[in-house]
N, C-alpha and C. Protein backbone atom coordinates (compact mmCIF):
# COMPACT_ATOMS: atom_id res chain seq x y z
N MET A 1 14.61 8.72 -7.62
CA MET A 1 13.58 7.72 -7.82
C MET A 1 14.09 6.71 -8.86
N SER A 2 13.85 5.45 -8.57
CA SER A 2 14.34 4.41 -9.47
C SER A 2 13.51 4.34 -10.75
N GLU A 3 14.07 3.69 -11.75
CA GLU A 3 13.37 3.54 -13.03
C GLU A 3 12.11 2.69 -12.87
N LYS A 4 12.15 1.70 -12.01
CA LYS A 4 10.98 0.85 -11.81
C LYS A 4 9.83 1.62 -11.16
N ILE A 5 10.15 2.45 -10.22
CA ILE A 5 9.09 3.24 -9.56
C ILE A 5 8.55 4.28 -10.53
N LYS A 6 9.42 4.89 -11.31
CA LYS A 6 8.94 5.81 -12.36
C LYS A 6 8.02 5.09 -13.32
N ALA A 7 8.37 3.85 -13.66
CA ALA A 7 7.55 3.07 -14.59
C ALA A 7 6.17 2.77 -14.00
N ILE A 8 6.11 2.50 -12.69
CA ILE A 8 4.80 2.30 -12.05
C ILE A 8 3.98 3.58 -12.16
N LEU A 9 4.58 4.70 -11.79
CA LEU A 9 3.87 5.98 -11.80
C LEU A 9 3.38 6.37 -13.19
N ASN A 10 4.08 5.90 -14.22
CA ASN A 10 3.71 6.23 -15.60
C ASN A 10 2.96 5.10 -16.31
N HIS A 11 2.69 4.02 -15.60
CA HIS A 11 2.01 2.88 -16.20
C HIS A 11 0.55 3.26 -16.49
N GLU A 12 0.10 2.91 -17.67
CA GLU A 12 -1.25 3.27 -18.11
C GLU A 12 -2.33 2.80 -17.13
N GLU A 13 -2.20 1.60 -16.63
CA GLU A 13 -3.21 1.06 -15.70
C GLU A 13 -3.20 1.81 -14.37
N PHE A 14 -2.01 2.15 -13.88
CA PHE A 14 -1.89 2.92 -12.64
C PHE A 14 -2.56 4.29 -12.80
N ILE A 15 -2.28 4.96 -13.89
CA ILE A 15 -2.86 6.29 -14.15
C ILE A 15 -4.38 6.18 -14.28
N LYS A 16 -4.85 5.22 -15.04
CA LYS A 16 -6.29 5.05 -15.26
C LYS A 16 -7.02 4.79 -13.94
N ARG A 17 -6.49 3.92 -13.11
CA ARG A 17 -7.14 3.58 -11.85
C ARG A 17 -7.10 4.76 -10.88
N ASN A 18 -6.05 5.53 -10.88
CA ASN A 18 -6.01 6.72 -10.03
C ASN A 18 -7.08 7.72 -10.44
N GLU A 19 -7.24 7.89 -11.74
CA GLU A 19 -8.29 8.80 -12.23
C GLU A 19 -9.68 8.31 -11.84
N LEU A 20 -9.92 7.00 -11.96
CA LEU A 20 -11.21 6.44 -11.57
C LEU A 20 -11.46 6.60 -10.07
N MET A 21 -10.44 6.35 -9.26
CA MET A 21 -10.62 6.51 -7.81
C MET A 21 -10.90 7.96 -7.45
N ASP A 22 -10.22 8.88 -8.11
CA ASP A 22 -10.51 10.31 -7.88
C ASP A 22 -11.98 10.60 -8.16
N MET A 23 -12.50 10.00 -9.21
CA MET A 23 -13.90 10.21 -9.57
C MET A 23 -14.83 9.58 -8.53
N TYR A 24 -14.57 8.32 -8.16
CA TYR A 24 -15.42 7.62 -7.19
C TYR A 24 -15.37 8.26 -5.80
N GLU A 25 -14.25 8.88 -5.47
CA GLU A 25 -14.09 9.44 -4.13
C GLU A 25 -14.27 10.96 -4.10
N MET A 26 -14.79 11.52 -5.16
CA MET A 26 -14.93 12.98 -5.27
C MET A 26 -15.66 13.58 -4.05
N ASP A 27 -16.71 12.93 -3.59
CA ASP A 27 -17.49 13.45 -2.47
C ASP A 27 -17.24 12.69 -1.17
N ARG A 28 -16.21 11.90 -1.13
CA ARG A 28 -15.89 11.08 0.05
C ARG A 28 -15.46 11.97 1.20
N GLU A 29 -16.03 11.75 2.38
CA GLU A 29 -15.65 12.50 3.57
C GLU A 29 -14.47 11.87 4.30
N PHE A 30 -14.30 10.56 4.12
CA PHE A 30 -13.21 9.85 4.78
C PHE A 30 -11.91 10.08 4.01
N CYS A 31 -10.83 9.53 4.54
CA CYS A 31 -9.53 9.65 3.87
C CYS A 31 -9.62 9.14 2.43
N LEU A 32 -8.87 9.78 1.57
CA LEU A 32 -8.88 9.43 0.15
C LEU A 32 -7.82 8.39 -0.16
N HIS A 33 -8.02 7.71 -1.26
CA HIS A 33 -7.05 6.74 -1.77
C HIS A 33 -6.48 7.31 -3.05
N ASN A 34 -5.47 8.15 -2.88
CA ASN A 34 -4.89 8.88 -4.00
C ASN A 34 -3.37 8.78 -3.93
N LEU A 35 -2.71 9.47 -4.84
CA LEU A 35 -1.25 9.39 -4.90
C LEU A 35 -0.61 9.82 -3.58
N GLN A 36 -1.16 10.82 -2.91
CA GLN A 36 -0.61 11.24 -1.63
C GLN A 36 -0.66 10.10 -0.62
N HIS A 37 -1.79 9.41 -0.56
CA HIS A 37 -1.91 8.26 0.36
C HIS A 37 -0.92 7.16 -0.02
N PHE A 38 -0.80 6.89 -1.31
CA PHE A 38 0.11 5.83 -1.76
C PHE A 38 1.56 6.16 -1.38
N LEU A 39 1.96 7.41 -1.58
CA LEU A 39 3.32 7.81 -1.23
C LEU A 39 3.53 7.82 0.29
N ASP A 40 2.55 8.30 1.04
CA ASP A 40 2.66 8.28 2.50
C ASP A 40 2.79 6.85 3.01
N THR A 41 1.97 5.96 2.49
CA THR A 41 2.05 4.55 2.88
C THR A 41 3.42 3.98 2.54
N SER A 42 3.93 4.30 1.36
CA SER A 42 5.26 3.82 0.95
C SER A 42 6.34 4.32 1.89
N ARG A 43 6.33 5.61 2.16
CA ARG A 43 7.37 6.21 3.01
C ARG A 43 7.35 5.63 4.42
N ILE A 44 6.16 5.55 5.01
CA ILE A 44 6.07 5.05 6.38
C ILE A 44 6.43 3.57 6.43
N THR A 45 5.97 2.79 5.48
CA THR A 45 6.32 1.37 5.45
C THR A 45 7.83 1.20 5.30
N TYR A 46 8.44 2.03 4.48
CA TYR A 46 9.89 1.95 4.31
C TYR A 46 10.61 2.25 5.62
N ILE A 47 10.15 3.24 6.36
CA ILE A 47 10.74 3.55 7.67
C ILE A 47 10.60 2.34 8.59
N LEU A 48 9.41 1.75 8.62
CA LEU A 48 9.18 0.58 9.49
C LEU A 48 10.10 -0.58 9.12
N VAL A 49 10.30 -0.79 7.83
CA VAL A 49 11.14 -1.89 7.35
C VAL A 49 12.62 -1.62 7.66
N LEU A 50 13.03 -0.35 7.62
CA LEU A 50 14.44 -0.02 7.89
C LEU A 50 14.78 -0.06 9.38
N GLU A 51 13.78 0.16 10.24
CA GLU A 51 14.06 0.18 11.67
C GLU A 51 14.74 -1.10 12.11
N LYS A 52 15.82 -0.95 12.86
CA LYS A 52 16.59 -2.09 13.38
C LYS A 52 17.01 -3.05 12.28
N ASP A 53 17.21 -2.51 11.07
CA ASP A 53 17.65 -3.32 9.93
C ASP A 53 16.72 -4.51 9.65
N GLN A 54 15.42 -4.34 9.93
CA GLN A 54 14.47 -5.44 9.72
C GLN A 54 14.43 -5.90 8.27
N TYR A 55 14.79 -5.02 7.34
CA TYR A 55 14.74 -5.39 5.93
C TYR A 55 15.63 -6.59 5.64
N LYS A 56 16.67 -6.77 6.42
CA LYS A 56 17.58 -7.90 6.18
C LYS A 56 16.88 -9.24 6.42
N ASN A 57 15.94 -9.28 7.36
CA ASN A 57 15.17 -10.50 7.61
C ASN A 57 13.96 -10.59 6.69
N LEU A 58 13.35 -9.44 6.39
CA LEU A 58 12.16 -9.43 5.54
C LEU A 58 12.50 -9.76 4.09
N PHE A 59 13.68 -9.30 3.65
CA PHE A 59 14.10 -9.47 2.26
C PHE A 59 15.54 -9.98 2.22
N PRO A 60 15.76 -11.23 2.60
CA PRO A 60 17.13 -11.76 2.66
C PRO A 60 17.88 -11.59 1.34
N GLY A 61 19.12 -11.13 1.45
CA GLY A 61 19.97 -11.00 0.28
C GLY A 61 19.77 -9.71 -0.50
N LYS A 62 18.84 -8.87 -0.07
CA LYS A 62 18.58 -7.62 -0.79
C LYS A 62 19.18 -6.45 -0.01
N ASP A 63 19.70 -5.48 -0.74
CA ASP A 63 20.21 -4.28 -0.08
C ASP A 63 19.07 -3.28 0.09
N ALA A 64 19.34 -2.21 0.82
CA ALA A 64 18.30 -1.23 1.15
C ALA A 64 17.69 -0.60 -0.11
N GLY A 65 18.47 -0.42 -1.15
CA GLY A 65 17.94 0.16 -2.39
C GLY A 65 16.96 -0.77 -3.09
N GLU A 66 17.30 -2.06 -3.14
CA GLU A 66 16.39 -3.04 -3.74
C GLU A 66 15.10 -3.14 -2.93
N VAL A 67 15.25 -3.11 -1.62
CA VAL A 67 14.09 -3.17 -0.73
C VAL A 67 13.20 -1.95 -0.93
N LYS A 68 13.81 -0.80 -1.12
CA LYS A 68 13.03 0.43 -1.31
C LYS A 68 12.10 0.29 -2.52
N ASP A 69 12.60 -0.27 -3.61
CA ASP A 69 11.76 -0.48 -4.79
C ASP A 69 10.57 -1.38 -4.47
N LEU A 70 10.79 -2.44 -3.70
CA LEU A 70 9.71 -3.37 -3.38
C LEU A 70 8.69 -2.73 -2.44
N VAL A 71 9.17 -1.98 -1.47
CA VAL A 71 8.26 -1.30 -0.53
C VAL A 71 7.45 -0.24 -1.26
N TYR A 72 8.10 0.54 -2.10
CA TYR A 72 7.36 1.58 -2.84
C TYR A 72 6.40 0.96 -3.85
N ALA A 73 6.77 -0.14 -4.45
CA ALA A 73 5.84 -0.82 -5.37
C ALA A 73 4.60 -1.24 -4.59
N ALA A 74 4.78 -1.83 -3.43
CA ALA A 74 3.64 -2.25 -2.61
C ALA A 74 2.79 -1.06 -2.19
N GLY A 75 3.43 0.00 -1.73
CA GLY A 75 2.69 1.18 -1.29
C GLY A 75 1.92 1.86 -2.41
N LEU A 76 2.52 1.93 -3.57
CA LEU A 76 1.86 2.58 -4.71
C LEU A 76 0.71 1.75 -5.27
N LEU A 77 0.80 0.45 -5.17
CA LEU A 77 -0.16 -0.43 -5.83
C LEU A 77 -1.21 -1.03 -4.90
N HIS A 78 -1.09 -0.83 -3.60
CA HIS A 78 -1.90 -1.58 -2.63
C HIS A 78 -3.40 -1.30 -2.66
N ASP A 79 -3.85 -0.20 -3.18
CA ASP A 79 -5.27 0.13 -3.16
C ASP A 79 -5.90 0.26 -4.55
N LEU A 80 -5.21 -0.15 -5.59
CA LEU A 80 -5.75 0.04 -6.93
C LEU A 80 -7.03 -0.75 -7.18
N GLY A 81 -7.28 -1.79 -6.40
CA GLY A 81 -8.50 -2.57 -6.54
C GLY A 81 -9.73 -1.92 -5.93
N ARG A 82 -9.57 -0.74 -5.38
CA ARG A 82 -10.72 -0.03 -4.81
C ARG A 82 -11.76 0.27 -5.89
N VAL A 83 -11.36 0.39 -7.12
CA VAL A 83 -12.32 0.62 -8.21
C VAL A 83 -13.36 -0.50 -8.20
N GLU A 84 -12.89 -1.76 -8.13
CA GLU A 84 -13.81 -2.90 -8.09
C GLU A 84 -14.59 -2.95 -6.78
N GLN A 85 -13.96 -2.52 -5.70
CA GLN A 85 -14.69 -2.49 -4.43
C GLN A 85 -15.88 -1.54 -4.53
N TYR A 86 -15.66 -0.39 -5.16
CA TYR A 86 -16.74 0.58 -5.32
C TYR A 86 -17.80 0.13 -6.31
N THR A 87 -17.39 -0.55 -7.37
CA THR A 87 -18.34 -0.90 -8.43
C THR A 87 -18.97 -2.28 -8.25
N GLU A 88 -18.24 -3.21 -7.61
CA GLU A 88 -18.73 -4.59 -7.52
C GLU A 88 -18.80 -5.12 -6.09
N GLY A 89 -18.25 -4.38 -5.13
CA GLY A 89 -18.27 -4.81 -3.74
C GLY A 89 -17.25 -5.89 -3.41
N THR A 90 -16.24 -6.06 -4.25
CA THR A 90 -15.22 -7.09 -4.01
C THR A 90 -14.14 -6.58 -3.06
N ASP A 91 -13.37 -7.50 -2.51
CA ASP A 91 -12.28 -7.17 -1.60
C ASP A 91 -11.16 -6.48 -2.37
N HIS A 92 -10.93 -5.21 -2.08
CA HIS A 92 -9.95 -4.44 -2.85
C HIS A 92 -8.53 -4.98 -2.69
N ALA A 93 -8.21 -5.57 -1.56
CA ALA A 93 -6.84 -6.06 -1.35
C ALA A 93 -6.52 -7.20 -2.31
N LEU A 94 -7.46 -8.10 -2.48
CA LEU A 94 -7.22 -9.24 -3.38
C LEU A 94 -7.15 -8.78 -4.84
N ILE A 95 -8.03 -7.88 -5.23
CA ILE A 95 -8.01 -7.34 -6.59
C ILE A 95 -6.72 -6.54 -6.81
N SER A 96 -6.33 -5.74 -5.82
CA SER A 96 -5.10 -4.95 -5.93
C SER A 96 -3.89 -5.84 -6.14
N SER A 97 -3.88 -6.98 -5.48
CA SER A 97 -2.78 -7.93 -5.63
C SER A 97 -2.67 -8.42 -7.07
N ARG A 98 -3.79 -8.71 -7.69
CA ARG A 98 -3.78 -9.18 -9.09
C ARG A 98 -3.33 -8.06 -10.04
N ILE A 99 -3.83 -6.86 -9.79
CA ILE A 99 -3.44 -5.72 -10.63
C ILE A 99 -1.95 -5.45 -10.48
N ALA A 100 -1.46 -5.50 -9.24
CA ALA A 100 -0.03 -5.26 -8.98
C ALA A 100 0.82 -6.28 -9.73
N ARG A 101 0.39 -7.52 -9.73
CA ARG A 101 1.15 -8.57 -10.43
C ARG A 101 1.31 -8.22 -11.91
N ASP A 102 0.20 -7.83 -12.53
CA ASP A 102 0.25 -7.48 -13.96
C ASP A 102 1.17 -6.29 -14.22
N ILE A 103 1.05 -5.26 -13.40
CA ILE A 103 1.87 -4.05 -13.59
C ILE A 103 3.35 -4.37 -13.36
N MET A 104 3.65 -5.12 -12.30
CA MET A 104 5.04 -5.44 -11.99
C MET A 104 5.65 -6.34 -13.06
N GLU A 105 4.86 -7.27 -13.60
CA GLU A 105 5.36 -8.10 -14.70
C GLU A 105 5.66 -7.24 -15.92
N ASP A 106 4.76 -6.32 -16.24
CA ASP A 106 4.99 -5.41 -17.38
C ASP A 106 6.30 -4.65 -17.23
N ILE A 107 6.61 -4.26 -16.01
CA ILE A 107 7.78 -3.41 -15.75
C ILE A 107 9.07 -4.23 -15.68
N GLY A 108 8.95 -5.52 -15.39
CA GLY A 108 10.14 -6.36 -15.37
C GLY A 108 10.68 -6.68 -13.99
N PHE A 109 9.86 -6.61 -12.97
CA PHE A 109 10.28 -7.05 -11.64
C PHE A 109 10.51 -8.56 -11.69
N ALA A 110 11.40 -9.05 -10.86
CA ALA A 110 11.66 -10.49 -10.75
C ALA A 110 10.42 -11.19 -10.18
N LEU A 111 10.16 -12.40 -10.64
CA LEU A 111 8.97 -13.15 -10.21
C LEU A 111 8.93 -13.33 -8.69
N GLU A 112 10.07 -13.61 -8.07
CA GLU A 112 10.12 -13.77 -6.61
C GLU A 112 9.71 -12.47 -5.92
N ASP A 113 10.17 -11.34 -6.43
CA ASP A 113 9.80 -10.04 -5.85
C ASP A 113 8.32 -9.74 -6.04
N ILE A 114 7.79 -10.09 -7.19
CA ILE A 114 6.37 -9.90 -7.46
C ILE A 114 5.55 -10.70 -6.45
N LYS A 115 5.95 -11.91 -6.20
CA LYS A 115 5.23 -12.77 -5.26
C LYS A 115 5.22 -12.16 -3.86
N ILE A 116 6.35 -11.67 -3.40
CA ILE A 116 6.46 -11.08 -2.06
C ILE A 116 5.58 -9.83 -1.95
N VAL A 117 5.66 -8.97 -2.94
CA VAL A 117 4.88 -7.72 -2.92
C VAL A 117 3.38 -8.02 -3.02
N CYS A 118 3.00 -8.90 -3.92
CA CYS A 118 1.57 -9.20 -4.10
C CYS A 118 0.98 -9.90 -2.89
N GLN A 119 1.75 -10.73 -2.23
CA GLN A 119 1.26 -11.35 -1.00
C GLN A 119 0.98 -10.28 0.05
N ALA A 120 1.91 -9.34 0.22
CA ALA A 120 1.73 -8.26 1.20
C ALA A 120 0.51 -7.41 0.85
N ILE A 121 0.34 -7.10 -0.41
CA ILE A 121 -0.82 -6.30 -0.84
C ILE A 121 -2.11 -7.06 -0.52
N GLY A 122 -2.14 -8.34 -0.80
CA GLY A 122 -3.33 -9.14 -0.51
C GLY A 122 -3.65 -9.22 0.97
N GLU A 123 -2.64 -9.03 1.81
CA GLU A 123 -2.81 -9.13 3.26
C GLU A 123 -3.00 -7.78 3.95
N HIS A 124 -2.86 -6.68 3.25
CA HIS A 124 -2.76 -5.38 3.92
C HIS A 124 -4.06 -4.88 4.56
N ARG A 125 -5.16 -5.46 4.21
CA ARG A 125 -6.45 -4.93 4.68
C ARG A 125 -6.72 -5.23 6.16
N LYS A 126 -6.35 -6.39 6.60
CA LYS A 126 -6.60 -6.82 7.99
C LYS A 126 -5.31 -7.31 8.62
N TYR A 127 -5.06 -6.88 9.85
CA TYR A 127 -3.88 -7.36 10.56
C TYR A 127 -4.15 -8.77 11.07
N ASN A 128 -3.20 -9.65 10.81
CA ASN A 128 -3.31 -11.02 11.25
C ASN A 128 -1.90 -11.53 11.49
N GLU A 129 -1.68 -12.16 12.62
CA GLU A 129 -0.35 -12.69 12.93
C GLU A 129 0.13 -13.69 11.89
N SER A 130 -0.80 -14.34 11.20
CA SER A 130 -0.41 -15.33 10.20
C SER A 130 -0.02 -14.69 8.86
N ASN A 131 -0.23 -13.37 8.72
CA ASN A 131 0.21 -12.67 7.51
C ASN A 131 1.73 -12.68 7.45
N SER A 132 2.26 -12.49 6.27
CA SER A 132 3.71 -12.37 6.12
C SER A 132 4.20 -11.16 6.90
N ALA A 133 5.46 -11.18 7.27
CA ALA A 133 6.04 -10.04 8.01
C ALA A 133 5.92 -8.76 7.18
N PHE A 134 6.14 -8.84 5.88
CA PHE A 134 6.01 -7.66 5.03
C PHE A 134 4.54 -7.23 4.94
N GLY A 135 3.62 -8.17 4.90
CA GLY A 135 2.20 -7.85 4.90
C GLY A 135 1.80 -7.08 6.15
N ARG A 136 2.35 -7.47 7.29
CA ARG A 136 2.05 -6.76 8.55
C ARG A 136 2.64 -5.36 8.53
N LYS A 137 3.82 -5.20 7.95
CA LYS A 137 4.44 -3.86 7.85
C LYS A 137 3.63 -2.97 6.91
N LEU A 138 3.19 -3.51 5.79
CA LEU A 138 2.38 -2.71 4.86
C LEU A 138 1.06 -2.32 5.51
N TYR A 139 0.45 -3.22 6.23
CA TYR A 139 -0.79 -2.91 6.96
C TYR A 139 -0.55 -1.72 7.89
N GLU A 140 0.52 -1.80 8.68
CA GLU A 140 0.80 -0.74 9.64
C GLU A 140 1.12 0.59 8.95
N GLY A 141 1.93 0.54 7.89
CA GLY A 141 2.24 1.76 7.15
C GLY A 141 1.00 2.40 6.56
N ASP A 142 0.10 1.57 6.08
CA ASP A 142 -1.18 2.05 5.52
C ASP A 142 -1.98 2.77 6.58
N LYS A 143 -2.12 2.17 7.74
CA LYS A 143 -2.91 2.79 8.82
C LYS A 143 -2.24 4.05 9.37
N LEU A 144 -0.91 3.99 9.53
CA LEU A 144 -0.20 5.15 10.09
C LEU A 144 -0.19 6.34 9.12
N SER A 145 -0.50 6.09 7.87
CA SER A 145 -0.50 7.20 6.90
C SER A 145 -1.71 8.12 7.09
N ARG A 146 -2.67 7.69 7.86
CA ARG A 146 -3.91 8.45 8.04
C ARG A 146 -3.76 9.48 9.16
N GLN A 147 -4.26 10.65 8.91
CA GLN A 147 -4.22 11.74 9.89
C GLN A 147 -5.56 11.84 10.59
N CYS A 148 -5.75 11.04 11.63
CA CYS A 148 -7.05 10.97 12.31
C CYS A 148 -7.30 12.17 13.22
N LYS A 149 -6.26 12.74 13.76
CA LYS A 149 -6.44 13.85 14.69
C LYS A 149 -7.15 15.01 13.98
N GLY A 150 -8.25 15.43 14.56
CA GLY A 150 -9.00 16.55 13.99
C GLY A 150 -9.96 16.17 12.87
N CYS A 151 -10.05 14.89 12.54
CA CYS A 151 -10.95 14.46 11.47
C CYS A 151 -12.40 14.63 11.91
N LYS A 152 -13.21 15.22 11.04
CA LYS A 152 -14.61 15.48 11.40
C LYS A 152 -15.52 14.26 11.29
N VAL A 153 -15.05 13.18 10.67
CA VAL A 153 -15.87 11.97 10.56
C VAL A 153 -15.22 10.77 11.26
N ILE A 154 -14.37 11.04 12.22
CA ILE A 154 -13.63 9.96 12.88
C ILE A 154 -14.55 8.96 13.56
N ASP A 155 -15.68 9.42 14.10
CA ASP A 155 -16.59 8.51 14.79
C ASP A 155 -17.22 7.49 13.86
N GLU A 156 -17.35 7.82 12.59
CA GLU A 156 -17.93 6.88 11.62
C GLU A 156 -16.86 6.06 10.90
N CYS A 157 -15.62 6.39 11.09
CA CYS A 157 -14.52 5.73 10.38
C CYS A 157 -14.32 4.31 10.90
N LYS A 158 -13.91 3.42 10.00
CA LYS A 158 -13.70 2.01 10.34
C LYS A 158 -12.26 1.70 10.75
N ILE A 159 -11.38 2.70 10.76
CA ILE A 159 -9.99 2.43 11.12
C ILE A 159 -9.92 1.98 12.58
N GLU A 160 -8.98 1.13 12.89
CA GLU A 160 -8.85 0.56 14.22
C GLU A 160 -8.66 1.65 15.27
N LEU A 161 -9.20 1.41 16.46
CA LEU A 161 -9.23 2.38 17.54
C LEU A 161 -7.84 2.90 17.89
N GLU A 162 -6.83 2.03 17.92
CA GLU A 162 -5.50 2.48 18.32
C GLU A 162 -4.96 3.56 17.38
N TYR A 163 -5.35 3.52 16.12
CA TYR A 163 -4.91 4.54 15.18
C TYR A 163 -5.75 5.82 15.35
N LYS A 164 -7.03 5.66 15.65
CA LYS A 164 -7.86 6.83 15.94
C LYS A 164 -7.34 7.57 17.16
N GLN A 165 -6.79 6.82 18.10
CA GLN A 165 -6.29 7.40 19.34
C GLN A 165 -4.88 7.97 19.20
N GLY A 166 -4.33 7.89 18.01
CA GLY A 166 -3.05 8.55 17.76
C GLY A 166 -1.83 7.68 17.79
N LYS A 167 -1.95 6.38 17.56
CA LYS A 167 -0.76 5.54 17.49
C LYS A 167 0.19 6.14 16.46
N GLN A 168 1.44 6.25 16.82
CA GLN A 168 2.44 6.83 15.93
C GLN A 168 3.63 5.91 15.82
N ILE A 169 4.51 6.20 14.90
CA ILE A 169 5.67 5.34 14.69
C ILE A 169 6.85 5.73 15.58
N TYR A 170 6.72 6.77 16.38
CA TYR A 170 7.82 7.14 17.26
C TYR A 170 7.41 6.98 18.71
């Protein structure tokens, strides 16, 4: 694990927001927004980005290791704004993007990288062809991280039908 990803995991704001989400989602029947989800989203998004060397077009000039840091930063930070969604009803993707910017700046990510990651985080909630290519990959990784098969509340879930029906990455 890189030093930057370790720094995210140990960042005071990241830890605080994870604890708050655990509290807000204590009785949640739907999928949780916790470290397991963040890591699953990161891993799956990284696989999607590596397929057919897509990372070379998504992140020109970056090697696979540099890209991994950006993908994991996006996956770890993409839902931190859920606290505000639960307390104020705001769009968690937009709030998460602002929180991610602050955390990434604290850690020392390059401004260009922060912009790319925060744009993807802001776009991850809804699939749209006009979203950035990385935003579309993060969206897909987020949805594919969910284990819908056998879920007892699947009929009430808002996840898109293709994912409920078992869309997979293979």
